[in-house]
Amino acid sequence: MEKNDFGAAQKILAQALQIDPQYPKANYALAVCYLRVNPPDLVKAKVYRDKAAKSGYRVPQWFDDYSKKLENKKI
């Protein structure tokens, strides 16, 4: 993710979630990856954002604000 290679990060995070599907930080990081790839996948981003939140991760407000901004662009 630090290299802005969100496609590669998605693969690594998906592997981590195979080991522990409830790991909050990995779910959140994967949600961020889905927002940041080109084109963004808002549906998958929301799925992993919600998994992270259900597991106790406090999702930053920027994530929801940025998601809404991307949704509004699609309209």
PDB file of N, CA and C in Angstrom:
ATOM      1  N   MET A   1       0.821  -1.184   0.000  1.00  0.00           N
ATOM      2  CA  MET A   1       0.000   0.000   0.000  1.00  0.00           C
ATOM      3  C   MET A   1       0.870   1.254   0.000  1.00  0.00           C
ATOM      4  N   GLU A   2       1.999   1.209   0.697  1.00  0.00           N
ATOM      5  CA  GLU A   2       2.870   2.381   0.742  1.00  0.00           C
ATOM      6  C   GLU A   2       3.421   2.731  -0.629  1.00  0.00           C
ATOM      7  N   LYS A   3       3.477   1.762  -1.519  1.00  0.00           N
ATOM      8  CA  LYS A   3       3.965   1.997  -2.874  1.00  0.00           C
ATOM      9  C   LYS A   3       2.830   2.337  -3.834  1.00  0.00           C
ATOM     10  N   ASN A   4       1.629   2.500  -3.296  1.00  0.00           N
ATOM     11  CA  ASN A   4       0.423   2.768  -4.101  1.00  0.00           C
ATOM     12  C   ASN A   4       0.133   1.663  -5.108  1.00  0.00           C
ATOM     13  N   ASP A   5       0.560   0.456  -4.802  1.00  0.00           N
ATOM     14  CA  ASP A   5       0.251  -0.701  -5.647  1.00  0.00           C
ATOM     15  C   ASP A   5      -0.882  -1.457  -4.958  1.00  0.00           C
ATOM     16  N   PHE A   6      -2.070  -0.927  -5.135  1.00  0.00           N
ATOM     17  CA  PHE A   6      -3.218  -1.450  -4.402  1.00  0.00           C
ATOM     18  C   PHE A   6      -3.679  -2.802  -4.915  1.00  0.00           C
ATOM     19  N   GLY A   7      -3.409  -3.103  -6.170  1.00  0.00           N
ATOM     20  CA  GLY A   7      -3.727  -4.422  -6.712  1.00  0.00           C
ATOM     21  C   GLY A   7      -2.898  -5.511  -6.031  1.00  0.00           C
ATOM     22  N   ALA A   8      -1.609  -5.260  -5.890  1.00  0.00           N
ATOM     23  CA  ALA A   8      -0.725  -6.224  -5.210  1.00  0.00           C
ATOM     24  C   ALA A   8      -1.098  -6.336  -3.731  1.00  0.00           C
ATOM     25  N   ALA A   9      -1.409  -5.208  -3.125  1.00  0.00           N
ATOM     26  CA  ALA A   9      -1.786  -5.220  -1.709  1.00  0.00           C
ATOM     27  C   ALA A   9      -3.062  -6.021  -1.492  1.00  0.00           C
ATOM     28  N   GLN A  10      -4.006  -5.932  -2.441  1.00  0.00           N
ATOM     29  CA  GLN A  10      -5.247  -6.705  -2.330  1.00  0.00           C
ATOM     30  C   GLN A  10      -4.951  -8.195  -2.246  1.00  0.00           C
ATOM     31  N   LYS A  11      -4.050  -8.672  -3.072  1.00  0.00           N
ATOM     32  CA  LYS A  11      -3.716 -10.104  -3.085  1.00  0.00           C
ATOM     33  C   LYS A  11      -3.113 -10.537  -1.759  1.00  0.00           C
ATOM     34  N   ILE A  12      -2.204  -9.742  -1.234  1.00  0.00           N
ATOM     35  CA  ILE A  12      -1.546 -10.087   0.029  1.00  0.00           C
ATOM     36  C   ILE A  12      -2.543 -10.045   1.187  1.00  0.00           C
ATOM     37  N   LEU A  13      -3.379  -9.030   1.213  1.00  0.00           N
ATOM     38  CA  LEU A  13      -4.369  -8.917   2.286  1.00  0.00           C
ATOM     39  C   LEU A  13      -5.403 -10.037   2.211  1.00  0.00           C
ATOM     40  N   ALA A  14      -5.789 -10.427   1.006  1.00  0.00           N
ATOM     41  CA  ALA A  14      -6.732 -11.539   0.854  1.00  0.00           C
ATOM     42  C   ALA A  14      -6.130 -12.825   1.423  1.00  0.00           C
ATOM     43  N   GLN A  15      -4.840 -13.022   1.224  1.00  0.00           N
ATOM     44  CA  GLN A  15      -4.165 -14.194   1.787  1.00  0.00           C
ATOM     45  C   GLN A  15      -4.164 -14.127   3.312  1.00  0.00           C
ATOM     46  N   ALA A  16      -3.918 -12.953   3.863  1.00  0.00           N
ATOM     47  CA  ALA A  16      -3.929 -12.785   5.320  1.00  0.00           C
ATOM     48  C   ALA A  16      -5.310 -13.093   5.886  1.00  0.00           C
ATOM     49  N   LEU A  17      -6.345 -12.680   5.167  1.00  0.00           N
ATOM     50  CA  LEU A  17      -7.708 -12.922   5.643  1.00  0.00           C
ATOM     51  C   LEU A  17      -8.121 -14.384   5.516  1.00  0.00           C
ATOM     52  N   GLN A  18      -7.421 -15.152   4.707  1.00  0.00           N
ATOM     53  CA  GLN A  18      -7.685 -16.596   4.670  1.00  0.00           C
ATOM     54  C   GLN A  18      -7.245 -17.237   5.974  1.00  0.00           C
ATOM     55  N   ILE A  19      -6.224 -16.679   6.590  1.00  0.00           N
ATOM     56  CA  ILE A  19      -5.734 -17.186   7.875  1.00  0.00           C
ATOM     57  C   ILE A  19      -6.648 -16.733   9.011  1.00  0.00           C
ATOM     58  N   ASP A  20      -7.023 -15.454   8.997  1.00  0.00           N
ATOM     59  CA  ASP A  20      -7.899 -14.903  10.036  1.00  0.00           C
ATOM     60  C   ASP A  20      -8.906 -13.949   9.392  1.00  0.00           C
ATOM     61  N   PRO A  21     -10.070 -14.468   8.981  1.00  0.00           N
ATOM     62  CA  PRO A  21     -11.064 -13.655   8.288  1.00  0.00           C
ATOM     63  C   PRO A  21     -11.625 -12.487   9.113  1.00  0.00           C
ATOM     64  N   GLN A  22     -11.458 -12.524  10.416  1.00  0.00           N
ATOM     65  CA  GLN A  22     -12.008 -11.470  11.275  1.00  0.00           C
ATOM     66  C   GLN A  22     -10.983 -10.399  11.652  1.00  0.00           C
ATOM     67  N   TYR A  23      -9.764 -10.493  11.123  1.00  0.00           N
ATOM     68  CA  TYR A  23      -8.711  -9.538  11.492  1.00  0.00           C
ATOM     69  C   TYR A  23      -9.115  -8.132  11.048  1.00  0.00           C
ATOM     70  N   PRO A  24      -9.456  -7.262  12.001  1.00  0.00           N
ATOM     71  CA  PRO A  24     -10.036  -5.970  11.665  1.00  0.00           C
ATOM     72  C   PRO A  24      -9.150  -5.084  10.783  1.00  0.00           C
ATOM     73  N   LYS A  25      -7.879  -5.001  11.113  1.00  0.00           N
ATOM     74  CA  LYS A  25      -7.000  -4.099  10.375  1.00  0.00           C
ATOM     75  C   LYS A  25      -6.810  -4.559   8.929  1.00  0.00           C
ATOM     76  N   ALA A  26      -6.744  -5.865   8.713  1.00  0.00           N
ATOM     77  CA  ALA A  26      -6.609  -6.384   7.347  1.00  0.00           C
ATOM     78  C   ALA A  26      -7.887  -6.132   6.552  1.00  0.00           C
ATOM     79  N   ASN A  27      -9.036  -6.286   7.179  1.00  0.00           N
ATOM     80  CA  ASN A  27     -10.300  -5.989   6.501  1.00  0.00           C
ATOM     81  C   ASN A  27     -10.374  -4.514   6.121  1.00  0.00           C
ATOM     82  N   TYR A  28      -9.965  -3.650   7.031  1.00  0.00           N
ATOM     83  CA  TYR A  28      -9.986  -2.219   6.734  1.00  0.00           C
ATOM     84  C   TYR A  28      -8.986  -1.884   5.616  1.00  0.00           C
ATOM     85  N   ALA A  29      -7.791  -2.427   5.696  1.00  0.00           N
ATOM     86  CA  ALA A  29      -6.780  -2.152   4.671  1.00  0.00           C
ATOM     87  C   ALA A  29      -7.259  -2.621   3.300  1.00  0.00           C
ATOM     88  N   LEU A  30      -7.933  -3.756   3.263  1.00  0.00           N
ATOM     89  CA  LEU A  30      -8.468  -4.250   1.996  1.00  0.00           C
ATOM     90  C   LEU A  30      -9.578  -3.323   1.487  1.00  0.00           C
ATOM     91  N   ALA A  31     -10.379  -2.808   2.379  1.00  0.00           N
ATOM     92  CA  ALA A  31     -11.409  -1.840   1.985  1.00  0.00           C
ATOM     93  C   ALA A  31     -10.763  -0.603   1.361  1.00  0.00           C
ATOM     94  N   VAL A  32      -9.694  -0.133   1.965  1.00  0.00           N
ATOM     95  CA  VAL A  32      -8.978   1.023   1.424  1.00  0.00           C
ATOM     96  C   VAL A  32      -8.436   0.706   0.037  1.00  0.00           C
ATOM     97  N   CYS A  33      -7.886  -0.480  -0.131  1.00  0.00           N
ATOM     98  CA  CYS A  33      -7.369  -0.877  -1.442  1.00  0.00           C
ATOM     99  C   CYS A  33      -8.457  -0.841  -2.502  1.00  0.00           C
ATOM    100  N   TYR A  34      -9.629  -1.335  -2.153  1.00  0.00           N
ATOM    101  CA  TYR A  34     -10.723  -1.333  -3.124  1.00  0.00           C
ATOM    102  C   TYR A  34     -11.182   0.087  -3.462  1.00  0.00           C
ATOM    103  N   LEU A  35     -11.023   1.020  -2.539  1.00  0.00           N
ATOM    104  CA  LEU A  35     -11.346   2.409  -2.850  1.00  0.00           C
ATOM    105  C   LEU A  35     -10.285   3.052  -3.726  1.00  0.00           C
ATOM    106  N   ARG A  36      -9.040   2.641  -3.546  1.00  0.00           N
ATOM    107  CA  ARG A  36      -7.933   3.339  -4.185  1.00  0.00           C
ATOM    108  C   ARG A  36      -7.511   2.771  -5.533  1.00  0.00           C
ATOM    109  N   VAL A  37      -7.959   1.549  -5.881  1.00  0.00           N
ATOM    110  CA  VAL A  37      -7.608   1.010  -7.197  1.00  0.00           C
ATOM    111  C   VAL A  37      -8.343   1.801  -8.274  1.00  0.00           C
ATOM    112  N   ASN A  38      -7.880   1.680  -9.473  1.00  0.00           N
ATOM    113  CA  ASN A  38      -8.518   2.375 -10.584  1.00  0.00           C
ATOM    114  C   ASN A  38      -9.062   1.365 -11.566  1.00  0.00           C
ATOM    115  N   PRO A  39     -10.367   1.273 -11.733  1.00  0.00           N
ATOM    116  CA  PRO A  39     -11.424   2.046 -11.077  1.00  0.00           C
ATOM    117  C   PRO A  39     -11.731   1.477  -9.698  1.00  0.00           C
ATOM    118  N   PRO A  40     -12.238   2.312  -8.806  1.00  0.00           N
ATOM    119  CA  PRO A  40     -12.575   1.835  -7.460  1.00  0.00           C
ATOM    120  C   PRO A  40     -13.729   0.838  -7.502  1.00  0.00           C
ATOM    121  N   ASP A  41     -13.721  -0.080  -6.552  1.00  0.00           N
ATOM    122  CA  ASP A  41     -14.811  -1.039  -6.409  1.00  0.00           C
ATOM    123  C   ASP A  41     -15.526  -0.705  -5.102  1.00  0.00           C
ATOM    124  N   LEU A  42     -16.537   0.136  -5.207  1.00  0.00           N
ATOM    125  CA  LEU A  42     -17.223   0.630  -4.015  1.00  0.00           C
ATOM    126  C   LEU A  42     -17.984  -0.457  -3.276  1.00  0.00           C
ATOM    127  N   VAL A  43     -18.490  -1.432  -4.003  1.00  0.00           N
ATOM    128  CA  VAL A  43     -19.251  -2.514  -3.365  1.00  0.00           C
ATOM    129  C   VAL A  43     -18.329  -3.335  -2.463  1.00  0.00           C
ATOM    130  N   LYS A  44     -17.199  -3.764  -3.003  1.00  0.00           N
ATOM    131  CA  LYS A  44     -16.264  -4.556  -2.194  1.00  0.00           C
ATOM    132  C   LYS A  44     -15.650  -3.721  -1.079  1.00  0.00           C
ATOM    133  N   ALA A  45     -15.396  -2.444  -1.343  1.00  0.00           N
ATOM    134  CA  ALA A  45     -14.851  -1.574  -0.302  1.00  0.00           C
ATOM    135  C   ALA A  45     -15.805  -1.521   0.892  1.00  0.00           C
ATOM    136  N   LYS A  46     -17.087  -1.402   0.611  1.00  0.00           N
ATOM    137  CA  LYS A  46     -18.080  -1.342   1.695  1.00  0.00           C
ATOM    138  C   LYS A  46     -18.168  -2.667   2.444  1.00  0.00           C
ATOM    139  N   VAL A  47     -18.079  -3.777   1.722  1.00  0.00           N
ATOM    140  CA  VAL A  47     -18.137  -5.090   2.378  1.00  0.00           C
ATOM    141  C   VAL A  47     -17.007  -5.217   3.401  1.00  0.00           C
ATOM    142  N   TYR A  48     -15.789  -4.891   2.983  1.00  0.00           N
ATOM    143  CA  TYR A  48     -14.648  -5.038   3.893  1.00  0.00           C
ATOM    144  C   TYR A  48     -14.619  -3.951   4.961  1.00  0.00           C
ATOM    145  N   ARG A  49     -15.134  -2.784   4.645  1.00  0.00           N
ATOM    146  CA  ARG A  49     -15.247  -1.731   5.654  1.00  0.00           C
ATOM    147  C   ARG A  49     -16.186  -2.185   6.766  1.00  0.00           C
ATOM    148  N   ASP A  50     -17.311  -2.772   6.376  1.00  0.00           N
ATOM    149  CA  ASP A  50     -18.286  -3.238   7.356  1.00  0.00           C
ATOM    150  C   ASP A  50     -17.741  -4.397   8.184  1.00  0.00           C
ATOM    151  N   LYS A  51     -16.980  -5.295   7.562  1.00  0.00           N
ATOM    152  CA  LYS A  51     -16.361  -6.394   8.318  1.00  0.00           C
ATOM    153  C   LYS A  51     -15.393  -5.848   9.354  1.00  0.00           C
ATOM    154  N   ALA A  52     -14.610  -4.853   8.957  1.00  0.00           N
ATOM    155  CA  ALA A  52     -13.659  -4.253   9.897  1.00  0.00           C
ATOM    156  C   ALA A  52     -14.393  -3.612  11.065  1.00  0.00           C
ATOM    157  N   ALA A  53     -15.447  -2.877  10.768  1.00  0.00           N
ATOM    158  CA  ALA A  53     -16.214  -2.204  11.818  1.00  0.00           C
ATOM    159  C   ALA A  53     -16.862  -3.216  12.760  1.00  0.00           C
ATOM    160  N   LYS A  54     -17.417  -4.294  12.198  1.00  0.00           N
ATOM    161  CA  LYS A  54     -18.043  -5.328  13.039  1.00  0.00           C
ATOM    162  C   LYS A  54     -17.029  -6.017  13.941  1.00  0.00           C
ATOM    163  N   SER A  55     -15.777  -6.054  13.499  1.00  0.00           N
ATOM    164  CA  SER A  55     -14.722  -6.702  14.288  1.00  0.00           C
ATOM    165  C   SER A  55     -14.093  -5.752  15.292  1.00  0.00           C
ATOM    166  N   GLY A  56     -14.617  -4.529  15.365  1.00  0.00           N
ATOM    167  CA  GLY A  56     -14.138  -3.593  16.371  1.00  0.00           C
ATOM    168  C   GLY A  56     -13.208  -2.508  15.861  1.00  0.00           C
ATOM    169  N   TYR A  57     -12.930  -2.486  14.552  1.00  0.00           N
ATOM    170  CA  TYR A  57     -12.046  -1.447  14.027  1.00  0.00           C
ATOM    171  C   TYR A  57     -12.818  -0.146  13.903  1.00  0.00           C
ATOM    172  N   ARG A  58     -12.224   0.919  14.358  1.00  0.00           N
ATOM    173  CA  ARG A  58     -12.862   2.228  14.249  1.00  0.00           C
ATOM    174  C   ARG A  58     -12.483   2.835  12.900  1.00  0.00           C
ATOM    175  N   VAL A  59     -13.422   2.790  11.992  1.00  0.00           N
ATOM    176  CA  VAL A  59     -13.188   3.266  10.629  1.00  0.00           C
ATOM    177  C   VAL A  59     -13.141   4.793  10.653  1.00  0.00           C
ATOM    178  N   PRO A  60     -12.062   5.373  10.121  1.00  0.00           N
ATOM    179  CA  PRO A  60     -11.961   6.831  10.112  1.00  0.00           C
ATOM    180  C   PRO A  60     -13.037   7.479   9.235  1.00  0.00           C
ATOM    181  N   GLN A  61     -13.434   8.671   9.601  1.00  0.00           N
ATOM    182  CA  GLN A  61     -14.481   9.380   8.877  1.00  0.00           C
ATOM    183  C   GLN A  61     -14.102   9.632   7.421  1.00  0.00           C
ATOM    184  N   TRP A  62     -12.800   9.809   7.152  1.00  0.00           N
ATOM    185  CA  TRP A  62     -12.390  10.096   5.772  1.00  0.00           C
ATOM    186  C   TRP A  62     -12.837   8.983   4.828  1.00  0.00           C
ATOM    187  N   PHE A  63     -12.850   7.745   5.321  1.00  0.00           N
ATOM    188  CA  PHE A  63     -13.196   6.611   4.469  1.00  0.00           C
ATOM    189  C   PHE A  63     -14.628   6.753   3.955  1.00  0.00           C
ATOM    190  N   ASP A  64     -15.553   7.015   4.862  1.00  0.00           N
ATOM    191  CA  ASP A  64     -16.960   7.161   4.462  1.00  0.00           C
ATOM    192  C   ASP A  64     -17.168   8.414   3.608  1.00  0.00           C
ATOM    193  N   ASP A  65     -16.476   9.490   3.944  1.00  0.00           N
ATOM    194  CA  ASP A  65     -16.593  10.713   3.147  1.00  0.00           C
ATOM    195  C   ASP A  65     -16.085  10.482   1.730  1.00  0.00           C
ATOM    196  N   TYR A  66     -14.950   9.815   1.614  1.00  0.00           N
ATOM    197  CA  TYR A  66     -14.366   9.559   0.300  1.00  0.00           C
ATOM    198  C   TYR A  66     -15.243   8.597  -0.503  1.00  0.00           C
ATOM    199  N   SER A  67     -15.809   7.594   0.156  1.00  0.00           N
ATOM    200  CA  SER A  67     -16.716   6.660  -0.516  1.00  0.00           C
ATOM    201  C   SER A  67     -17.923   7.393  -1.096  1.00  0.00           C
ATOM    202  N   LYS A  68     -18.501   8.276  -0.297  1.00  0.00           N
ATOM    203  CA  LYS A  68     -19.662   9.040  -0.766  1.00  0.00           C
ATOM    204  C   LYS A  68     -19.301   9.946  -1.940  1.00  0.00           C
ATOM    205  N   LYS A  69     -18.125  10.526  -1.875  1.00  0.00           N
ATOM    206  CA  LYS A  69     -17.666  11.383  -2.969  1.00  0.00           C
ATOM    207  C   LYS A  69     -17.550  10.571  -4.264  1.00  0.00           C
ATOM    208  N   LEU A  70     -17.002   9.363  -4.162  1.00  0.00           N
ATOM    209  CA  LEU A  70     -16.878   8.502  -5.341  1.00  0.00           C
ATOM    210  C   LEU A  70     -18.257   8.062  -5.848  1.00  0.00           C
ATOM    211  N   GLU A  71     -19.167   7.762  -4.938  1.00  0.00           N
ATOM    212  CA  GLU A  71     -20.527   7.370  -5.332  1.00  0.00           C
ATOM    213  C   GLU A  71     -21.216   8.508  -6.098  1.00  0.00           C
ATOM    214  N   ASN A  72     -21.041   9.711  -5.613  1.00  0.00           N
ATOM    215  CA  ASN A  72     -21.676  10.865  -6.259  1.00  0.00           C
ATOM    216  C   ASN A  72     -21.107  11.116  -7.646  1.00  0.00           C
ATOM    217  N   LYS A  73     -19.864  10.795  -7.866  1.00  0.00           N
ATOM    218  CA  LYS A  73     -19.256  10.952  -9.199  1.00  0.00           C
ATOM    219  C   LYS A  73     -19.853   9.994 -10.207  1.00  0.00           C
ATOM    220  N   LYS A  74     -20.293   8.809  -9.707  1.00  0.00           N
ATOM    221  CA  LYS A  74     -20.864   7.787 -10.606  1.00  0.00           C
ATOM    222  C   LYS A  74     -22.269   8.156 -11.058  1.00  0.00           C
ATOM    223  N   ILE A  75     -22.940   8.998 -10.299  1.00  0.00           N
ATOM    224  CA  ILE A  75     -24.337   9.340 -10.608  1.00  0.00           C
ATOM    225  C   ILE A  75     -24.432  10.207 -11.840  1.00  0.00           C
TER     226      ILE A  75
END
